[in-house]
N, C-alpha and C. Protein backbone atom coordinates (compact mmCIF):
# COMPACT_ATOMS: atom_id res chain seq x y z
N UNK A 1 135.88 192.21 12.10
CA UNK A 1 136.30 192.22 13.49
C UNK A 1 135.34 193.10 14.29
N UNK A 2 134.86 192.64 15.44
CA UNK A 2 133.95 193.45 16.24
C UNK A 2 134.61 194.74 16.71
N UNK A 3 133.81 195.79 16.75
CA UNK A 3 134.34 197.10 17.13
C UNK A 3 134.38 197.30 18.64
N UNK A 4 133.51 196.64 19.38
CA UNK A 4 133.48 196.81 20.84
C UNK A 4 133.16 195.48 21.50
N UNK A 5 133.25 195.47 22.84
CA UNK A 5 132.93 194.24 23.56
C UNK A 5 131.45 193.89 23.39
N UNK A 6 130.57 194.91 23.23
CA UNK A 6 129.16 194.64 22.99
C UNK A 6 128.98 193.93 21.65
N UNK A 7 129.72 194.37 20.62
CA UNK A 7 129.65 193.73 19.31
C UNK A 7 130.18 192.30 19.39
N UNK A 8 131.27 192.11 20.11
CA UNK A 8 131.85 190.77 20.26
C UNK A 8 130.87 189.85 20.97
N UNK A 9 130.21 190.36 22.00
CA UNK A 9 129.23 189.57 22.73
C UNK A 9 128.07 189.18 21.82
N UNK A 10 127.57 190.15 21.04
CA UNK A 10 126.46 189.88 20.12
C UNK A 10 126.87 188.84 19.08
N UNK A 11 128.08 188.97 18.52
CA UNK A 11 128.57 188.00 17.54
C UNK A 11 128.65 186.60 18.15
N UNK A 12 129.16 186.51 19.36
CA UNK A 12 129.27 185.22 20.04
C UNK A 12 127.88 184.62 20.28
N UNK A 13 126.95 185.43 20.75
CA UNK A 13 125.60 184.94 21.00
C UNK A 13 124.94 184.49 19.69
N UNK A 14 125.19 185.18 18.59
CA UNK A 14 124.65 184.78 17.29
C UNK A 14 125.19 183.41 16.88
N UNK A 15 126.48 183.19 17.08
CA UNK A 15 127.09 181.90 16.73
C UNK A 15 126.50 180.79 17.59
N UNK A 16 126.39 181.02 18.89
CA UNK A 16 125.82 180.02 19.79
C UNK A 16 124.38 179.71 19.39
N UNK A 17 123.61 180.75 19.08
CA UNK A 17 122.22 180.57 18.66
C UNK A 17 122.15 179.72 17.39
N UNK A 18 123.04 179.98 16.42
CA UNK A 18 123.05 179.20 15.18
C UNK A 18 123.36 177.73 15.45
N UNK A 19 124.31 177.46 16.32
CA UNK A 19 124.68 176.08 16.64
C UNK A 19 123.52 175.36 17.31
N UNK A 20 122.91 176.00 18.31
CA UNK A 20 121.80 175.37 19.01
C UNK A 20 120.62 175.18 18.08
N UNK A 21 120.31 176.16 17.24
CA UNK A 21 119.20 176.03 16.29
C UNK A 21 119.46 174.88 15.32
N UNK A 22 120.68 174.74 14.85
CA UNK A 22 121.00 173.64 13.95
C UNK A 22 120.81 172.29 14.63
N UNK A 23 121.17 172.19 15.91
CA UNK A 23 120.99 170.94 16.65
C UNK A 23 119.51 170.63 16.83
N UNK A 24 118.73 171.64 17.18
CA UNK A 24 117.30 171.42 17.43
C UNK A 24 116.58 171.06 16.14
N UNK A 25 116.91 171.75 15.05
CA UNK A 25 116.22 171.51 13.77
C UNK A 25 116.75 170.28 13.05
N UNK A 26 117.95 169.83 13.39
CA UNK A 26 118.55 168.68 12.72
C UNK A 26 119.30 169.05 11.45
N UNK A 27 119.31 170.33 11.08
CA UNK A 27 120.01 170.76 9.88
C UNK A 27 121.52 170.67 10.10
N UNK A 28 122.20 170.07 9.17
CA UNK A 28 123.65 169.97 9.25
C UNK A 28 124.12 169.10 10.40
N UNK A 29 123.26 168.20 10.86
CA UNK A 29 123.57 167.38 12.03
C UNK A 29 124.83 166.55 11.84
N UNK A 30 125.07 166.08 10.60
CA UNK A 30 126.24 165.24 10.34
C UNK A 30 127.55 166.02 10.53
N UNK A 31 127.51 167.34 10.46
CA UNK A 31 128.71 168.16 10.59
C UNK A 31 128.93 168.65 12.01
N UNK A 32 127.90 168.55 12.86
CA UNK A 32 127.98 169.12 14.20
C UNK A 32 128.35 168.06 15.24
N UNK A 33 129.25 168.40 16.14
CA UNK A 33 129.51 167.47 17.25
C UNK A 33 128.30 167.49 18.19
N UNK A 34 128.05 166.39 18.88
CA UNK A 34 126.89 166.37 19.78
C UNK A 34 127.10 167.32 20.96
N UNK A 35 126.03 167.96 21.41
CA UNK A 35 126.11 168.81 22.59
C UNK A 35 125.82 167.92 23.80
N UNK A 36 126.82 167.72 24.63
CA UNK A 36 126.69 166.87 25.81
C UNK A 36 126.33 167.68 27.05
N UNK A 37 126.67 168.92 27.06
CA UNK A 37 126.41 169.79 28.20
C UNK A 37 126.81 171.19 27.83
N UNK A 38 126.49 172.12 28.68
CA UNK A 38 126.79 173.52 28.43
C UNK A 38 127.46 174.09 29.67
N UNK A 39 128.47 174.91 29.49
CA UNK A 39 129.15 175.55 30.62
C UNK A 39 129.05 177.05 30.43
N UNK A 40 128.58 177.75 31.46
CA UNK A 40 128.52 179.20 31.45
C UNK A 40 129.33 179.70 32.63
N UNK A 41 130.12 180.73 32.44
CA UNK A 41 130.83 181.37 33.54
C UNK A 41 130.12 182.69 33.79
N UNK A 42 129.59 182.84 35.01
CA UNK A 42 128.77 183.99 35.36
C UNK A 42 129.48 184.85 36.39
N UNK A 43 129.02 186.06 36.53
CA UNK A 43 129.60 186.98 37.52
C UNK A 43 128.65 187.22 38.67
N UNK A 44 127.90 186.21 39.06
CA UNK A 44 127.04 186.33 40.22
C UNK A 44 125.91 187.31 40.00
N UNK A 45 125.44 187.91 41.06
CA UNK A 45 124.32 188.83 40.99
C UNK A 45 123.96 189.29 42.38
N UNK A 46 122.94 190.09 42.49
CA UNK A 46 122.54 190.62 43.78
C UNK A 46 121.60 189.66 44.51
N UNK A 47 121.84 189.44 45.76
CA UNK A 47 120.99 188.57 46.57
C UNK A 47 119.78 189.35 47.06
N UNK A 48 118.65 188.69 47.10
CA UNK A 48 117.43 189.34 47.54
C UNK A 48 116.96 188.81 48.89
N UNK A 49 117.82 188.17 49.64
CA UNK A 49 117.44 187.60 50.93
C UNK A 49 117.90 188.49 52.08
N UNK A 50 117.70 189.76 51.99
CA UNK A 50 118.02 190.73 53.03
C UNK A 50 119.43 190.52 53.59
N UNK A 51 120.46 190.69 52.77
CA UNK A 51 121.81 190.54 53.28
C UNK A 51 122.12 191.61 54.33
N UNK A 52 123.02 191.25 55.24
CA UNK A 52 123.41 192.19 56.28
C UNK A 52 124.11 193.40 55.64
N UNK A 53 124.96 193.15 54.68
CA UNK A 53 125.67 194.21 53.97
C UNK A 53 124.77 194.70 52.83
N UNK A 54 124.40 195.99 52.78
CA UNK A 54 123.48 196.46 51.75
C UNK A 54 124.04 196.40 50.33
N UNK A 55 125.35 196.33 50.16
CA UNK A 55 125.95 196.24 48.83
C UNK A 55 126.92 195.06 48.79
N UNK A 56 126.38 193.83 48.66
CA UNK A 56 127.27 192.66 48.67
C UNK A 56 128.15 192.60 47.41
N UNK A 57 129.28 191.96 47.55
CA UNK A 57 130.19 191.75 46.43
C UNK A 57 129.75 190.47 45.72
N UNK A 58 129.95 190.41 44.41
CA UNK A 58 129.54 189.22 43.67
C UNK A 58 130.60 188.13 43.75
N UNK A 59 130.16 186.90 43.58
CA UNK A 59 131.04 185.73 43.59
C UNK A 59 131.08 185.19 42.17
N UNK A 60 132.26 185.07 41.56
CA UNK A 60 132.32 184.47 40.21
C UNK A 60 131.97 182.98 40.29
N UNK A 61 131.22 182.52 39.31
CA UNK A 61 130.73 181.14 39.30
C UNK A 61 131.05 180.46 37.99
N UNK A 62 131.14 179.15 38.04
CA UNK A 62 131.15 178.32 36.83
C UNK A 62 129.94 177.41 36.94
N UNK A 63 129.13 177.36 35.88
CA UNK A 63 127.91 176.57 35.88
C UNK A 63 128.00 175.55 34.75
N UNK A 64 127.83 174.27 35.10
CA UNK A 64 127.83 173.18 34.13
C UNK A 64 126.44 172.58 34.13
N UNK A 65 125.91 172.27 32.95
CA UNK A 65 124.58 171.69 32.88
C UNK A 65 124.56 170.53 31.90
N UNK A 66 123.89 169.44 32.30
CA UNK A 66 123.64 168.35 31.38
C UNK A 66 122.17 167.94 31.52
N UNK A 67 121.80 166.81 31.02
CA UNK A 67 120.39 166.42 30.98
C UNK A 67 119.77 166.28 32.36
N UNK A 68 120.55 165.88 33.37
CA UNK A 68 119.96 165.61 34.68
C UNK A 68 120.42 166.50 35.82
N UNK A 69 121.48 167.26 35.62
CA UNK A 69 122.02 168.04 36.73
C UNK A 69 122.48 169.43 36.28
N UNK A 70 122.55 170.30 37.27
CA UNK A 70 123.20 171.60 37.12
C UNK A 70 124.25 171.65 38.22
N UNK A 71 125.49 171.86 37.85
CA UNK A 71 126.58 171.89 38.82
C UNK A 71 127.17 173.29 38.84
N UNK A 72 127.23 173.87 40.03
CA UNK A 72 127.75 175.22 40.20
C UNK A 72 129.03 175.10 41.03
N UNK A 73 130.10 175.72 40.55
CA UNK A 73 131.36 175.70 41.27
C UNK A 73 131.84 177.13 41.47
N UNK A 74 132.40 177.37 42.64
CA UNK A 74 132.99 178.67 42.93
C UNK A 74 134.07 178.51 43.98
N UNK A 75 135.07 179.37 43.88
CA UNK A 75 136.09 179.42 44.92
C UNK A 75 135.64 180.49 45.90
N UNK A 76 135.39 180.08 47.13
CA UNK A 76 134.95 181.04 48.14
C UNK A 76 136.09 182.00 48.46
N UNK A 77 135.77 183.24 48.79
CA UNK A 77 136.82 184.22 49.12
C UNK A 77 137.70 183.72 50.26
N UNK A 78 138.99 184.05 50.23
CA UNK A 78 139.93 183.56 51.25
C UNK A 78 139.53 183.90 52.68
N UNK A 79 138.86 185.04 52.87
CA UNK A 79 138.48 185.42 54.24
C UNK A 79 137.28 184.64 54.77
N UNK A 80 136.62 183.86 53.91
CA UNK A 80 135.49 183.04 54.37
C UNK A 80 135.50 181.70 53.63
N UNK A 81 136.57 180.90 53.81
CA UNK A 81 136.71 179.68 53.03
C UNK A 81 135.68 178.60 53.32
N UNK A 82 134.99 178.68 54.45
CA UNK A 82 133.99 177.65 54.75
C UNK A 82 132.70 178.23 55.33
N UNK A 83 132.46 179.51 55.11
CA UNK A 83 131.29 180.18 55.65
C UNK A 83 130.36 180.58 54.50
N UNK A 84 129.34 179.75 54.25
CA UNK A 84 128.43 180.04 53.15
C UNK A 84 127.00 179.66 53.54
N UNK A 85 126.06 180.22 52.79
CA UNK A 85 124.63 180.00 53.00
C UNK A 85 123.98 179.85 51.63
N UNK A 86 123.16 178.81 51.46
CA UNK A 86 122.48 178.58 50.18
C UNK A 86 120.98 178.48 50.44
N UNK A 87 120.20 179.13 49.56
CA UNK A 87 118.74 179.05 49.64
C UNK A 87 118.18 178.94 48.23
N UNK A 88 117.04 178.28 48.11
CA UNK A 88 116.35 178.17 46.82
C UNK A 88 115.01 178.86 46.95
N UNK A 89 114.76 179.83 46.06
CA UNK A 89 113.52 180.60 46.13
C UNK A 89 113.17 181.11 44.74
N UNK A 90 111.92 180.93 44.34
CA UNK A 90 111.40 181.47 43.07
C UNK A 90 112.26 181.08 41.87
N UNK A 91 112.69 179.81 41.81
CA UNK A 91 113.47 179.35 40.66
C UNK A 91 114.91 179.82 40.64
N UNK A 92 115.39 180.34 41.76
CA UNK A 92 116.77 180.84 41.82
C UNK A 92 117.48 180.25 43.03
N UNK A 93 118.72 179.86 42.81
CA UNK A 93 119.58 179.42 43.89
C UNK A 93 120.36 180.64 44.34
N UNK A 94 120.31 180.94 45.62
CA UNK A 94 120.97 182.13 46.15
C UNK A 94 122.10 181.69 47.07
N UNK A 95 123.28 182.23 46.82
CA UNK A 95 124.47 181.87 47.57
C UNK A 95 125.02 183.11 48.25
N UNK A 96 125.24 183.02 49.55
CA UNK A 96 125.91 184.08 50.31
C UNK A 96 127.13 183.47 50.97
N UNK A 97 128.18 184.25 51.10
CA UNK A 97 129.39 183.80 51.78
C UNK A 97 129.90 184.91 52.67
N UNK A 98 130.59 184.52 53.72
CA UNK A 98 131.15 185.49 54.66
C UNK A 98 130.30 185.58 55.92
N UNK A 99 130.94 185.98 56.99
CA UNK A 99 130.25 186.09 58.28
C UNK A 99 129.11 187.09 58.23
N UNK A 100 129.25 188.13 57.42
CA UNK A 100 128.20 189.15 57.30
C UNK A 100 127.49 189.08 55.95
N UNK A 101 127.65 187.91 55.28
CA UNK A 101 127.04 187.71 53.95
C UNK A 101 127.46 188.79 52.95
N UNK A 102 128.71 189.18 53.01
CA UNK A 102 129.18 190.27 52.14
C UNK A 102 129.43 189.83 50.69
N UNK A 103 129.45 188.53 50.43
CA UNK A 103 129.60 188.03 49.06
C UNK A 103 128.32 187.31 48.67
N UNK A 104 127.91 187.48 47.40
CA UNK A 104 126.65 186.86 47.00
C UNK A 104 126.61 186.53 45.52
N UNK A 105 125.69 185.65 45.17
CA UNK A 105 125.42 185.29 43.78
C UNK A 105 124.00 184.74 43.71
N UNK A 106 123.36 184.96 42.57
CA UNK A 106 122.03 184.41 42.29
C UNK A 106 122.13 183.65 40.98
N UNK A 107 121.68 182.39 41.00
CA UNK A 107 121.78 181.54 39.82
C UNK A 107 120.38 181.05 39.47
N UNK A 108 119.86 181.37 38.27
CA UNK A 108 118.55 180.85 37.89
C UNK A 108 118.64 179.35 37.60
N UNK A 109 117.93 178.55 38.37
CA UNK A 109 117.96 177.09 38.21
C UNK A 109 116.55 176.52 38.36
N UNK A 110 115.62 177.02 37.58
CA UNK A 110 114.26 176.50 37.63
C UNK A 110 114.28 175.03 37.23
N UNK A 111 113.25 174.32 37.62
CA UNK A 111 113.10 172.90 37.28
C UNK A 111 114.08 171.98 37.99
N UNK A 112 114.54 172.39 39.18
CA UNK A 112 115.36 171.47 39.98
C UNK A 112 114.53 171.02 41.18
N UNK A 113 114.98 169.94 41.80
CA UNK A 113 114.36 169.47 43.03
C UNK A 113 115.27 169.93 44.18
N UNK A 114 114.91 171.01 44.87
CA UNK A 114 115.80 171.55 45.90
C UNK A 114 116.08 170.57 47.03
N UNK A 115 115.19 169.61 47.26
CA UNK A 115 115.41 168.65 48.35
C UNK A 115 116.57 167.70 48.05
N UNK A 116 116.97 167.58 46.79
CA UNK A 116 118.06 166.68 46.41
C UNK A 116 119.39 167.40 46.21
N UNK A 117 119.42 168.72 46.43
CA UNK A 117 120.63 169.50 46.22
C UNK A 117 121.74 169.05 47.17
N UNK A 118 122.95 168.91 46.62
CA UNK A 118 124.11 168.50 47.41
C UNK A 118 125.16 169.61 47.36
N UNK A 119 125.90 169.76 48.44
CA UNK A 119 127.03 170.69 48.44
C UNK A 119 128.29 169.94 48.87
N UNK A 120 129.40 170.29 48.27
CA UNK A 120 130.70 169.72 48.62
C UNK A 120 131.68 170.88 48.71
N UNK A 121 132.45 170.92 49.79
CA UNK A 121 133.44 171.97 49.99
C UNK A 121 134.79 171.31 50.19
N UNK A 122 135.75 171.67 49.34
CA UNK A 122 137.09 171.09 49.44
C UNK A 122 138.11 172.17 49.13
N UNK A 123 138.95 172.48 50.10
CA UNK A 123 140.01 173.49 49.95
C UNK A 123 139.48 174.83 49.46
N UNK A 124 138.34 175.26 49.99
CA UNK A 124 137.78 176.56 49.65
C UNK A 124 136.99 176.60 48.36
N UNK A 125 136.88 175.46 47.66
CA UNK A 125 136.09 175.39 46.42
C UNK A 125 134.75 174.74 46.75
N UNK A 126 133.69 175.48 46.52
CA UNK A 126 132.35 175.00 46.79
C UNK A 126 131.74 174.47 45.50
N UNK A 127 131.17 173.27 45.59
CA UNK A 127 130.45 172.68 44.46
C UNK A 127 129.03 172.41 44.92
N UNK A 128 128.07 172.92 44.16
CA UNK A 128 126.65 172.71 44.45
C UNK A 128 126.09 171.89 43.30
N UNK A 129 125.53 170.72 43.63
CA UNK A 129 124.95 169.85 42.61
C UNK A 129 123.43 169.89 42.76
N UNK A 130 122.76 170.37 41.70
CA UNK A 130 121.30 170.45 41.68
C UNK A 130 120.78 169.41 40.71
N UNK A 131 119.85 168.59 41.16
CA UNK A 131 119.27 167.58 40.30
C UNK A 131 117.96 168.09 39.73
N UNK A 132 117.80 167.95 38.42
CA UNK A 132 116.59 168.42 37.76
C UNK A 132 115.41 167.53 38.12
N UNK A 133 114.24 168.14 38.14
CA UNK A 133 113.01 167.38 38.40
C UNK A 133 112.78 166.41 37.26
N UNK A 134 112.23 165.25 37.61
CA UNK A 134 111.90 164.26 36.60
C UNK A 134 110.64 164.70 35.89
N UNK A 135 110.73 165.06 34.62
CA UNK A 135 109.59 165.58 33.87
C UNK A 135 108.69 164.48 33.34
N UNK A 136 109.07 163.21 33.49
CA UNK A 136 108.27 162.10 33.00
C UNK A 136 107.20 161.66 33.98
N UNK A 137 107.14 162.27 35.15
CA UNK A 137 106.16 161.87 36.16
C UNK A 137 104.77 162.28 35.77
């Protein structure tokens, strides 16, 4: 049993690494379910686009990824249910919310085509769909 949350995190990352390595190498493939996509739940990050508030609050995110898209979902804070700003810079999608941009998150999403990015807002839940660049060109 892990002794601390750091140990638990390391154990979890080791298990994930073993599963992904087995898929890539083909070892034990008959025993492994196919990986169709990956979901990570992140705790946002600091925005680097000169926010009005010098210490923005982070926005919890859910990130889903498959072969062609990266989908980011978040529930915007109740005080700013439809006030958000999204920018793509240096391989990162930056999200600010609130009239004074007091909420923020940074999501690394290199290899997307920012011109095809879509946003959908429904009942305070923001969904950002990023389409990956076609690498076969």
